[in-house]
Amino acid sequence: MFEKQTLHGAYFALSAYLFWGFIPIYFKFVDHVSPWEILCHRVVWSVILLMGILVYTKQLGALKVEARVIRRLLLTSALLSVNWLVYIYAIVNGNIVETSLGYFINPLVSVFLGVIFLSERLRPLQWLAIVIAASGIAFQLIYFGAIPWIALTLAFSFGFYGLIRKNLNLPSVSGLALETTLILPFASLGLFWFYTTGNLDFGAVNLQTDILLIMGGFITSFPLLCFAAAVTRLSLTSIGMYQYIAPSLSLVLAIIVYDEPFGVDRIITFTCIWIALVIFTLETLYYHRKLSMRGVANA
């Protein structure tokens, strides 16, 4: 039974991260639409889909939360909006490589935020991993005279998002439904503004564009639902092993399919990040294995 549950969890995790890895293809199909309008549609159709799921599963009661939770969700909604907008902007403007860098950095950023805000303590090799990753970012700063703002915005916005959501204990579907509902008034106003200024592409370009924009709800919700199903069946350590699939696939797409530049400067930066991730991952696996063996010995 346990092995079957683990196997199902692996399938769900693979589905989520493979989907996220190939998701730039979707945004490339709608790159003739303003990133702002794409974001608005993503919110609107996500709300409709998620509410439909909650009605179908009879979980609408999960939307009733305390006022303090709503206040925190306002912040997570803002962070999610920033993350989505920057991600869409980057892909539409041919910066898939930098989005990949952002999501490679994200696990290390999450650990770093845990040290600052949750008083978590890092082990020596974890500190080494963060220093090596920071060196890769510093190289970009020295080489270009500018920081890779897309990568850092994606990493830190999602890092803070995870930090705040960590203690809310909200189910994935109802939590995302609440967040997108809080953004819905702004998304609706945005679409109305596009309409009144004559810049709304929905209903004005072609049927394919309309269908793709409507699919934004599915594109947003499906991988999150798979991820939620995986988390209930796998340990967080196991989940962590899958999280590099998405940025790896996106990087391959960027270089091979969309012919984005990947010169020596980016190779050096990515190499620093990859070395840091290898150190961090192996150290984490060793540490958890050591704890497990100690637990068995004490049993």
C-alpha atoms as a PDB file:
ATOM      1  CA  MET A   1       0.000   0.000   0.000  1.00  0.00           C
ATOM      2  CA  PHE A   2       2.818   2.390   0.952  1.00  0.00           C
ATOM      3  CA  GLU A   3       4.744   1.619  -2.255  1.00  0.00           C
ATOM      4  CA  LYS A   4       1.601   2.159  -4.352  1.00  0.00           C
ATOM      5  CA  GLN A   5       1.003   5.531  -2.682  1.00  0.00           C
ATOM      6  CA  THR A   6       4.616   6.555  -3.292  1.00  0.00           C
ATOM      7  CA  LEU A   7       4.367   5.500  -6.942  1.00  0.00           C
ATOM      8  CA  HIS A   8       1.192   7.557  -7.431  1.00  0.00           C
ATOM      9  CA  GLY A   9       2.891  10.499  -5.729  1.00  0.00           C
ATOM     10  CA  ALA A  10       5.812  10.197  -8.144  1.00  0.00           C
ATOM     11  CA  TYR A  11       3.411  10.247 -11.108  1.00  0.00           C
ATOM     12  CA  PHE A  12       1.692  13.382  -9.802  1.00  0.00           C
ATOM     13  CA  ALA A  13       5.025  15.119  -9.106  1.00  0.00           C
ATOM     14  CA  LEU A  14       6.342  14.260 -12.565  1.00  0.00           C
ATOM     15  CA  SER A  15       3.103  15.516 -14.152  1.00  0.00           C
ATOM     16  CA  ALA A  16       3.343  18.828 -12.299  1.00  0.00           C
ATOM     17  CA  TYR A  17       6.997  19.543 -13.009  1.00  0.00           C
ATOM     18  CA  LEU A  18       6.943  18.302 -16.611  1.00  0.00           C
ATOM     19  CA  PHE A  19       3.937  20.553 -17.231  1.00  0.00           C
ATOM     20  CA  TRP A  20       5.717  23.542 -15.655  1.00  0.00           C
ATOM     21  CA  GLY A  21       8.813  22.746 -17.707  1.00  0.00           C
ATOM     22  CA  PHE A  22       6.948  22.926 -21.019  1.00  0.00           C
ATOM     23  CA  ILE A  23       4.662  25.825 -20.054  1.00  0.00           C
ATOM     24  CA  PRO A  24       6.781  28.437 -21.945  1.00  0.00           C
ATOM     25  CA  ILE A  25       5.411  26.908 -25.163  1.00  0.00           C
ATOM     26  CA  TYR A  26       1.922  28.065 -24.175  1.00  0.00           C
ATOM     27  CA  PHE A  27       3.029  31.635 -23.508  1.00  0.00           C
ATOM     28  CA  LYS A  28       4.962  31.707 -26.786  1.00  0.00           C
ATOM     29  CA  PHE A  29       1.693  30.915 -28.583  1.00  0.00           C
ATOM     30  CA  VAL A  30       0.128  34.058 -27.066  1.00  0.00           C
ATOM     31  CA  ASP A  31       3.192  36.318 -27.213  1.00  0.00           C
ATOM     32  CA  HIS A  32       1.308  38.693 -29.531  1.00  0.00           C
ATOM     33  CA  VAL A  33      -0.942  39.590 -26.570  1.00  0.00           C
ATOM     34  CA  SER A  34       0.087  42.079 -23.875  1.00  0.00           C
ATOM     35  CA  PRO A  35       1.549  40.363 -20.764  1.00  0.00           C
ATOM     36  CA  TRP A  36      -0.896  42.403 -18.684  1.00  0.00           C
ATOM     37  CA  GLU A  37      -3.892  41.036 -20.605  1.00  0.00           C
ATOM     38  CA  ILE A  38      -2.531  37.483 -20.419  1.00  0.00           C
ATOM     39  CA  LEU A  39      -2.216  37.887 -16.633  1.00  0.00           C
ATOM     40  CA  CYS A  40      -5.788  39.200 -16.356  1.00  0.00           C
ATOM     41  CA  HIS A  41      -7.175  36.255 -18.308  1.00  0.00           C
ATOM     42  CA  ARG A  42      -5.086  33.834 -16.274  1.00  0.00           C
ATOM     43  CA  VAL A  43      -6.722  35.163 -13.108  1.00  0.00           C
ATOM     44  CA  VAL A  44     -10.291  35.321 -14.451  1.00  0.00           C
ATOM     45  CA  TRP A  45     -10.354  31.818 -15.959  1.00  0.00           C
ATOM     46  CA  SER A  46      -8.518  30.334 -12.960  1.00  0.00           C
ATOM     47  CA  VAL A  47     -11.234  31.649 -10.641  1.00  0.00           C
ATOM     48  CA  ILE A  48     -13.959  30.128 -12.838  1.00  0.00           C
ATOM     49  CA  LEU A  49     -12.206  26.748 -13.068  1.00  0.00           C
ATOM     50  CA  LEU A  50     -11.240  26.539  -9.385  1.00  0.00           C
ATOM     51  CA  MET A  51     -14.709  27.550  -8.205  1.00  0.00           C
ATOM     52  CA  GLY A  52     -16.133  24.882 -10.505  1.00  0.00           C
ATOM     53  CA  ILE A  53     -13.836  22.288  -8.941  1.00  0.00           C
ATOM     54  CA  LEU A  54     -14.851  23.357  -5.418  1.00  0.00           C
ATOM     55  CA  VAL A  55     -18.551  23.165  -6.334  1.00  0.00           C
ATOM     56  CA  TYR A  56     -18.101  19.738  -7.949  1.00  0.00           C
ATOM     57  CA  THR A  57     -16.179  18.361  -4.948  1.00  0.00           C
ATOM     58  CA  LYS A  58     -18.535  20.098  -2.472  1.00  0.00           C
ATOM     59  CA  GLN A  59     -15.683  21.989  -0.812  1.00  0.00           C
ATOM     60  CA  LEU A  60     -16.998  25.563  -1.056  1.00  0.00           C
ATOM     61  CA  GLY A  61     -16.987  25.675   2.740  1.00  0.00           C
ATOM     62  CA  ALA A  62     -13.186  25.703   2.598  1.00  0.00           C
ATOM     63  CA  LEU A  63     -13.387  29.302   1.366  1.00  0.00           C
ATOM     64  CA  LYS A  64     -14.566  30.482   4.796  1.00  0.00           C
ATOM     65  CA  VAL A  65     -11.450  31.688   6.584  1.00  0.00           C
ATOM     66  CA  GLU A  66     -10.608  34.155   9.345  1.00  0.00           C
ATOM     67  CA  ALA A  67      -9.968  37.847   8.673  1.00  0.00           C
ATOM     68  CA  ARG A  68      -6.289  37.490   9.623  1.00  0.00           C
ATOM     69  CA  VAL A  69      -5.900  34.796   6.965  1.00  0.00           C
ATOM     70  CA  ILE A  70      -7.483  37.066   4.353  1.00  0.00           C
ATOM     71  CA  ARG A  71      -4.972  39.806   5.235  1.00  0.00           C
ATOM     72  CA  ARG A  72      -2.090  37.407   4.635  1.00  0.00           C
ATOM     73  CA  LEU A  73      -3.697  36.144   1.451  1.00  0.00           C
ATOM     74  CA  LEU A  74      -3.810  39.716   0.148  1.00  0.00           C
ATOM     75  CA  LEU A  75      -0.023  39.723   0.398  1.00  0.00           C
ATOM     76  CA  THR A  76       0.403  36.264  -1.166  1.00  0.00           C
ATOM     77  CA  SER A  77      -1.973  37.321  -3.962  1.00  0.00           C
ATOM     78  CA  ALA A  78       0.205  40.362  -4.679  1.00  0.00           C
ATOM     79  CA  LEU A  79       3.361  38.222  -4.704  1.00  0.00           C
ATOM     80  CA  LEU A  80       1.712  35.677  -6.983  1.00  0.00           C
ATOM     81  CA  SER A  81       0.639  38.449  -9.373  1.00  0.00           C
ATOM     82  CA  VAL A  82       4.169  39.844  -9.538  1.00  0.00           C
ATOM     83  CA  ASN A  83       5.589  36.360 -10.109  1.00  0.00           C
ATOM     84  CA  TRP A  84       3.128  35.549 -12.885  1.00  0.00           C
ATOM     85  CA  LEU A  85       3.505  38.919 -14.607  1.00  0.00           C
ATOM     86  CA  VAL A  86       7.316  38.865 -14.621  1.00  0.00           C
ATOM     87  CA  TYR A  87       7.306  35.247 -15.826  1.00  0.00           C
ATOM     88  CA  ILE A  88       4.919  36.044 -18.692  1.00  0.00           C
ATOM     89  CA  TYR A  89       6.848  39.222 -19.577  1.00  0.00           C
ATOM     90  CA  ALA A  90      10.136  37.308 -19.659  1.00  0.00           C
ATOM     91  CA  ILE A  91       8.873  34.538 -21.944  1.00  0.00           C
ATOM     92  CA  VAL A  92       7.038  36.897 -24.305  1.00  0.00           C
ATOM     93  CA  ASN A  93      10.242  38.935 -24.625  1.00  0.00           C
ATOM     94  CA  GLY A  94      12.587  35.995 -25.223  1.00  0.00           C
ATOM     95  CA  ASN A  95      14.057  35.544 -21.730  1.00  0.00           C
ATOM     96  CA  ILE A  96      13.190  31.923 -20.960  1.00  0.00           C
ATOM     97  CA  VAL A  97      16.807  31.290 -19.916  1.00  0.00           C
ATOM     98  CA  GLU A  98      16.535  33.848 -17.140  1.00  0.00           C
ATOM     99  CA  THR A  99      13.237  32.394 -15.896  1.00  0.00           C
ATOM    100  CA  SER A 100      15.007  29.050 -15.707  1.00  0.00           C
ATOM    101  CA  LEU A 101      17.798  30.656 -13.677  1.00  0.00           C
ATOM    102  CA  GLY A 102      15.182  32.122 -11.321  1.00  0.00           C
ATOM    103  CA  TYR A 103      13.634  28.757 -10.559  1.00  0.00           C
ATOM    104  CA  PHE A 104      17.038  27.119 -10.109  1.00  0.00           C
ATOM    105  CA  ILE A 105      17.837  29.817  -7.536  1.00  0.00           C
ATOM    106  CA  ASN A 106      14.447  29.553  -5.802  1.00  0.00           C
ATOM    107  CA  PRO A 107      15.212  26.577  -3.476  1.00  0.00           C
ATOM    108  CA  LEU A 108      18.311  28.351  -2.171  1.00  0.00           C
ATOM    109  CA  VAL A 109      16.386  31.609  -1.735  1.00  0.00           C
ATOM    110  CA  SER A 110      13.704  29.755   0.249  1.00  0.00           C
ATOM    111  CA  VAL A 111      16.367  28.359   2.577  1.00  0.00           C
ATOM    112  CA  PHE A 112      17.951  31.805   2.943  1.00  0.00           C
ATOM    113  CA  LEU A 113      14.571  33.369   3.820  1.00  0.00           C
ATOM    114  CA  GLY A 114      14.035  30.641   6.387  1.00  0.00           C
ATOM    115  CA  VAL A 115      17.278  31.684   8.094  1.00  0.00           C
ATOM    116  CA  ILE A 116      16.274  35.360   8.157  1.00  0.00           C
ATOM    117  CA  PHE A 117      12.585  35.125   9.065  1.00  0.00           C
ATOM    118  CA  LEU A 118      12.178  31.737  10.763  1.00  0.00           C
ATOM    119  CA  SER A 119      15.512  31.660  12.622  1.00  0.00           C
ATOM    120  CA  GLU A 120      16.416  28.389  10.949  1.00  0.00           C
ATOM    121  CA  ARG A 121      20.057  27.370  11.187  1.00  0.00           C
ATOM    122  CA  LEU A 122      22.121  26.299   8.211  1.00  0.00           C
ATOM    123  CA  ARG A 123      24.740  23.622   8.291  1.00  0.00           C
ATOM    124  CA  PRO A 124      28.231  24.491   6.930  1.00  0.00           C
ATOM    125  CA  LEU A 125      27.749  22.876   3.504  1.00  0.00           C
ATOM    126  CA  GLN A 126      24.410  24.660   3.106  1.00  0.00           C
ATOM    127  CA  TRP A 127      26.165  27.978   3.726  1.00  0.00           C
ATOM    128  CA  LEU A 128      28.782  26.992   1.145  1.00  0.00           C
ATOM    129  CA  ALA A 129      26.034  26.300  -1.415  1.00  0.00           C
ATOM    130  CA  ILE A 130      24.456  29.726  -0.852  1.00  0.00           C
ATOM    131  CA  VAL A 131      27.834  31.487  -1.121  1.00  0.00           C
ATOM    132  CA  ILE A 132      28.600  29.724  -4.435  1.00  0.00           C
ATOM    133  CA  ALA A 133      25.159  30.640  -5.806  1.00  0.00           C
ATOM    134  CA  ALA A 134      25.629  34.262  -4.713  1.00  0.00           C
ATOM    135  CA  SER A 135      28.983  34.254  -6.521  1.00  0.00           C
ATOM    136  CA  GLY A 136      27.202  33.322  -9.748  1.00  0.00           C
ATOM    137  CA  ILE A 137      24.806  36.266  -9.337  1.00  0.00           C
ATOM    138  CA  ALA A 138      27.726  38.563  -8.453  1.00  0.00           C
ATOM    139  CA  PHE A 139      29.472  37.536 -11.676  1.00  0.00           C
ATOM    140  CA  GLN A 140      26.439  38.689 -13.677  1.00  0.00           C
ATOM    141  CA  LEU A 141      26.519  41.984 -11.801  1.00  0.00           C
ATOM    142  CA  ILE A 142      30.216  42.514 -12.552  1.00  0.00           C
ATOM    143  CA  TYR A 143      30.035  41.261 -16.160  1.00  0.00           C
ATOM    144  CA  PHE A 144      26.972  43.223 -17.235  1.00  0.00           C
ATOM    145  CA  GLY A 145      26.916  45.973 -14.620  1.00  0.00           C
ATOM    146  CA  ALA A 146      23.321  44.961 -13.903  1.00  0.00           C
ATOM    147  CA  ILE A 147      21.691  42.292 -11.786  1.00  0.00           C
ATOM    148  CA  PRO A 148      19.566  39.548 -13.417  1.00  0.00           C
ATOM    149  CA  TRP A 149      16.364  41.177 -12.141  1.00  0.00           C
ATOM    150  CA  ILE A 150      13.970  38.751 -13.831  1.00  0.00           C
ATOM    151  CA  ALA A 151      15.583  35.703 -12.209  1.00  0.00           C
ATOM    152  CA  LEU A 152      15.845  37.354  -8.790  1.00  0.00           C
ATOM    153  CA  THR A 153      12.280  38.719  -8.902  1.00  0.00           C
ATOM    154  CA  LEU A 154      10.915  35.260  -9.748  1.00  0.00           C
ATOM    155  CA  ALA A 155      13.017  33.564  -7.072  1.00  0.00           C
ATOM    156  CA  PHE A 156      12.278  36.031  -4.265  1.00  0.00           C
ATOM    157  CA  SER A 157       8.591  36.595  -5.072  1.00  0.00           C
ATOM    158  CA  PHE A 158       7.949  32.839  -5.030  1.00  0.00           C
ATOM    159  CA  GLY A 159      10.238  32.430  -2.025  1.00  0.00           C
ATOM    160  CA  PHE A 160       8.286  35.001   0.017  1.00  0.00           C
ATOM    161  CA  TYR A 161       5.038  33.495  -1.274  1.00  0.00           C
ATOM    162  CA  GLY A 162       6.032  30.084   0.072  1.00  0.00           C
ATOM    163  CA  LEU A 163       7.237  31.616   3.335  1.00  0.00           C
ATOM    164  CA  ILE A 164       3.865  33.271   4.026  1.00  0.00           C
ATOM    165  CA  ARG A 165       1.746  30.351   2.798  1.00  0.00           C
ATOM    166  CA  LYS A 166       3.796  27.931   4.918  1.00  0.00           C
ATOM    167  CA  ASN A 167       1.857  28.593   8.119  1.00  0.00           C
ATOM    168  CA  LEU A 168      -1.606  29.214   6.664  1.00  0.00           C
ATOM    169  CA  ASN A 169      -2.419  25.492   6.335  1.00  0.00           C
ATOM    170  CA  LEU A 170      -4.788  26.059   3.423  1.00  0.00           C
ATOM    171  CA  PRO A 171      -5.612  23.319   0.896  1.00  0.00           C
ATOM    172  CA  SER A 172      -4.072  23.975  -2.507  1.00  0.00           C
ATOM    173  CA  VAL A 173      -7.367  24.376  -4.443  1.00  0.00           C
ATOM    174  CA  SER A 174      -9.244  26.576  -1.961  1.00  0.00           C
ATOM    175  CA  GLY A 175      -6.094  28.572  -1.182  1.00  0.00           C
ATOM    176  CA  LEU A 176      -5.422  29.358  -4.832  1.00  0.00           C
ATOM    177  CA  ALA A 177      -9.153  30.031  -5.372  1.00  0.00           C
ATOM    178  CA  LEU A 178      -9.101  32.615  -2.572  1.00  0.00           C
ATOM    179  CA  GLU A 179      -5.921  34.240  -3.880  1.00  0.00           C
ATOM    180  CA  THR A 180      -7.164  34.530  -7.448  1.00  0.00           C
ATOM    181  CA  THR A 181     -10.559  35.784  -6.214  1.00  0.00           C
ATOM    182  CA  LEU A 182      -8.797  38.567  -4.317  1.00  0.00           C
ATOM    183  CA  ILE A 183      -6.987  39.554  -7.529  1.00  0.00           C
ATOM    184  CA  LEU A 184     -10.158  39.175  -9.641  1.00  0.00           C
ATOM    185  CA  PRO A 185     -11.452  42.781  -9.221  1.00  0.00           C
ATOM    186  CA  PHE A 186      -8.111  44.169 -10.462  1.00  0.00           C
ATOM    187  CA  ALA A 187      -7.988  41.678 -13.348  1.00  0.00           C
ATOM    188  CA  SER A 188     -11.564  42.592 -14.341  1.00  0.00           C
ATOM    189  CA  LEU A 189     -10.744  46.304 -14.235  1.00  0.00           C
ATOM    190  CA  GLY A 190      -7.662  45.613 -16.343  1.00  0.00           C
ATOM    191  CA  LEU A 191      -9.685  43.833 -19.026  1.00  0.00           C
ATOM    192  CA  PHE A 192     -12.286  46.634 -18.961  1.00  0.00           C
ATOM    193  CA  TRP A 193      -9.500  49.204 -19.438  1.00  0.00           C
ATOM    194  CA  PHE A 194      -8.104  47.249 -22.399  1.00  0.00           C
ATOM    195  CA  TYR A 195     -11.623  47.121 -23.867  1.00  0.00           C
ATOM    196  CA  THR A 196     -12.364  50.847 -23.459  1.00  0.00           C
ATOM    197  CA  THR A 197      -9.000  51.819 -24.967  1.00  0.00           C
ATOM    198  CA  GLY A 198      -9.489  49.485 -27.917  1.00  0.00           C
ATOM    199  CA  ASN A 199      -6.479  47.335 -26.984  1.00  0.00           C
ATOM    200  CA  LEU A 200      -8.296  44.163 -25.929  1.00  0.00           C
ATOM    201  CA  ASP A 201      -7.044  41.229 -28.017  1.00  0.00           C
ATOM    202  CA  PHE A 202      -9.636  38.777 -26.671  1.00  0.00           C
ATOM    203  CA  GLY A 203     -12.415  38.582 -29.275  1.00  0.00           C
ATOM    204  CA  ALA A 204     -10.502  40.830 -31.673  1.00  0.00           C
ATOM    205  CA  VAL A 205      -7.666  38.709 -33.095  1.00  0.00           C
ATOM    206  CA  ASN A 206      -8.861  35.187 -33.891  1.00  0.00           C
ATOM    207  CA  LEU A 207     -10.587  32.183 -32.331  1.00  0.00           C
ATOM    208  CA  GLN A 208      -7.266  30.456 -31.578  1.00  0.00           C
ATOM    209  CA  THR A 209      -6.134  33.391 -29.443  1.00  0.00           C
ATOM    210  CA  ASP A 210      -9.446  33.402 -27.555  1.00  0.00           C
ATOM    211  CA  ILE A 211      -9.242  29.655 -26.830  1.00  0.00           C
ATOM    212  CA  LEU A 212      -5.612  29.934 -25.700  1.00  0.00           C
ATOM    213  CA  LEU A 213      -6.426  32.792 -23.315  1.00  0.00           C
ATOM    214  CA  ILE A 214      -9.351  30.846 -21.848  1.00  0.00           C
ATOM    215  CA  MET A 215      -6.980  27.895 -21.366  1.00  0.00           C
ATOM    216  CA  GLY A 216      -4.980  30.120 -18.976  1.00  0.00           C
ATOM    217  CA  GLY A 217      -7.154  28.809 -16.140  1.00  0.00           C
ATOM    218  CA  PHE A 218      -6.258  25.196 -16.904  1.00  0.00           C
ATOM    219  CA  ILE A 219      -2.599  26.065 -17.491  1.00  0.00           C
ATOM    220  CA  THR A 220      -2.492  27.622 -14.011  1.00  0.00           C
ATOM    221  CA  SER A 221      -4.551  25.096 -12.069  1.00  0.00           C
ATOM    222  CA  PHE A 222      -3.620  21.672 -13.475  1.00  0.00           C
ATOM    223  CA  PRO A 223       0.042  21.547 -12.335  1.00  0.00           C
ATOM    224  CA  LEU A 224      -0.878  22.994  -8.930  1.00  0.00           C
ATOM    225  CA  LEU A 225      -3.508  20.285  -8.409  1.00  0.00           C
ATOM    226  CA  CYS A 226      -0.970  17.612  -9.409  1.00  0.00           C
ATOM    227  CA  PHE A 227       1.569  19.158  -7.046  1.00  0.00           C
ATOM    228  CA  ALA A 228      -0.966  19.156  -4.192  1.00  0.00           C
ATOM    229  CA  ALA A 229      -1.704  15.472  -4.846  1.00  0.00           C
ATOM    230  CA  ALA A 230       2.029  14.681  -4.863  1.00  0.00           C
ATOM    231  CA  VAL A 231       2.710  16.491  -1.581  1.00  0.00           C
ATOM    232  CA  THR A 232       0.149  14.322   0.246  1.00  0.00           C
ATOM    233  CA  ARG A 233       1.846  11.150  -0.989  1.00  0.00           C
ATOM    234  CA  LEU A 234       5.562  11.987  -0.885  1.00  0.00           C
ATOM    235  CA  SER A 235       7.966  13.421   1.662  1.00  0.00           C
ATOM    236  CA  LEU A 236       9.141  17.008   1.160  1.00  0.00           C
ATOM    237  CA  THR A 237      12.645  15.669   0.547  1.00  0.00           C
ATOM    238  CA  SER A 238      11.338  13.503  -2.301  1.00  0.00           C
ATOM    239  CA  ILE A 239       9.375  16.420  -3.738  1.00  0.00           C
ATOM    240  CA  GLY A 240      12.542  18.497  -3.636  1.00  0.00           C
ATOM    241  CA  MET A 241      14.258  16.063  -5.972  1.00  0.00           C
ATOM    242  CA  TYR A 242      11.681  16.768  -8.679  1.00  0.00           C
ATOM    243  CA  GLN A 243      11.781  20.570  -8.558  1.00  0.00           C
ATOM    244  CA  TYR A 244      14.767  20.879 -10.906  1.00  0.00           C
ATOM    245  CA  ILE A 245      12.907  19.140 -13.752  1.00  0.00           C
ATOM    246  CA  ALA A 246      10.908  22.244 -14.741  1.00  0.00           C
ATOM    247  CA  PRO A 247      13.758  24.782 -15.035  1.00  0.00           C
ATOM    248  CA  SER A 248      15.931  22.162 -16.768  1.00  0.00           C
ATOM    249  CA  LEU A 249      13.280  21.547 -19.427  1.00  0.00           C
ATOM    250  CA  SER A 250      12.685  25.288 -19.835  1.00  0.00           C
ATOM    251  CA  LEU A 251      16.403  25.852 -20.324  1.00  0.00           C
ATOM    252  CA  VAL A 252      16.573  23.161 -23.019  1.00  0.00           C
ATOM    253  CA  LEU A 253      13.537  24.706 -24.751  1.00  0.00           C
ATOM    254  CA  ALA A 254      15.096  28.166 -24.613  1.00  0.00           C
ATOM    255  CA  ILE A 255      18.387  27.087 -26.179  1.00  0.00           C
ATOM    256  CA  ILE A 256      17.299  24.413 -28.669  1.00  0.00           C
ATOM    257  CA  VAL A 257      13.775  25.449 -29.701  1.00  0.00           C
ATOM    258  CA  TYR A 258      13.775  29.233 -29.268  1.00  0.00           C
ATOM    259  CA  ASP A 259      17.488  29.807 -29.973  1.00  0.00           C
ATOM    260  CA  GLU A 260      18.077  32.090 -26.987  1.00  0.00           C
ATOM    261  CA  PRO A 261      21.713  33.092 -26.373  1.00  0.00           C
ATOM    262  CA  PHE A 262      23.639  31.017 -23.847  1.00  0.00           C
ATOM    263  CA  GLY A 263      27.129  32.466 -23.875  1.00  0.00           C
ATOM    264  CA  VAL A 264      30.109  32.022 -21.566  1.00  0.00           C
ATOM    265  CA  ASP A 265      28.714  34.552 -19.077  1.00  0.00           C
ATOM    266  CA  ARG A 266      25.506  32.568 -18.592  1.00  0.00           C
ATOM    267  CA  ILE A 267      27.400  29.267 -18.536  1.00  0.00           C
ATOM    268  CA  ILE A 268      29.508  30.564 -15.626  1.00  0.00           C
ATOM    269  CA  THR A 269      26.451  31.811 -13.717  1.00  0.00           C
ATOM    270  CA  PHE A 270      24.474  28.594 -14.263  1.00  0.00           C
ATOM    271  CA  THR A 271      27.505  26.464 -13.369  1.00  0.00           C
ATOM    272  CA  CYS A 272      27.752  28.258 -10.018  1.00  0.00           C
ATOM    273  CA  ILE A 273      24.045  27.668  -9.381  1.00  0.00           C
ATOM    274  CA  TRP A 274      24.238  24.007 -10.418  1.00  0.00           C
ATOM    275  CA  ILE A 275      27.282  23.358  -8.197  1.00  0.00           C
ATOM    276  CA  ALA A 276      25.447  25.008  -5.308  1.00  0.00           C
ATOM    277  CA  LEU A 277      22.350  22.868  -5.930  1.00  0.00           C
ATOM    278  CA  VAL A 278      24.379  19.652  -6.133  1.00  0.00           C
ATOM    279  CA  ILE A 279      26.099  20.452  -2.812  1.00  0.00           C
ATOM    280  CA  PHE A 280      22.813  21.454  -1.196  1.00  0.00           C
ATOM    281  CA  THR A 281      20.892  18.414  -2.474  1.00  0.00           C
ATOM    282  CA  LEU A 282      23.544  15.838  -1.568  1.00  0.00           C
ATOM    283  CA  GLU A 283      24.018  17.404   1.868  1.00  0.00           C
ATOM    284  CA  THR A 284      20.270  17.341   2.508  1.00  0.00           C
ATOM    285  CA  LEU A 285      19.957  13.699   1.412  1.00  0.00           C
ATOM    286  CA  TYR A 286      22.930  12.700   3.580  1.00  0.00           C
ATOM    287  CA  TYR A 287      21.537  14.593   6.586  1.00  0.00           C
ATOM    288  CA  HIS A 288      18.059  13.020   6.327  1.00  0.00           C
ATOM    289  CA  ARG A 289      19.540   9.570   5.796  1.00  0.00           C
ATOM    290  CA  LYS A 290      21.722  10.068   8.868  1.00  0.00           C
ATOM    291  CA  LEU A 291      18.653  11.084  10.921  1.00  0.00           C
ATOM    292  CA  SER A 292      16.725   8.046   9.660  1.00  0.00           C
ATOM    293  CA  MET A 293      19.551   5.672  10.573  1.00  0.00           C
ATOM    294  CA  ARG A 294      19.830   7.297  14.004  1.00  0.00           C
ATOM    295  CA  GLY A 295      16.083   6.839  14.507  1.00  0.00           C
ATOM    296  CA  VAL A 296      16.308   3.149  13.579  1.00  0.00           C
ATOM    297  CA  ALA A 297      19.259   2.668  15.929  1.00  0.00           C
ATOM    298  CA  ASN A 298      17.339   4.253  18.816  1.00  0.00           C
ATOM    299  CA  ALA A 299      14.183   2.247  18.157  1.00  0.00           C
END
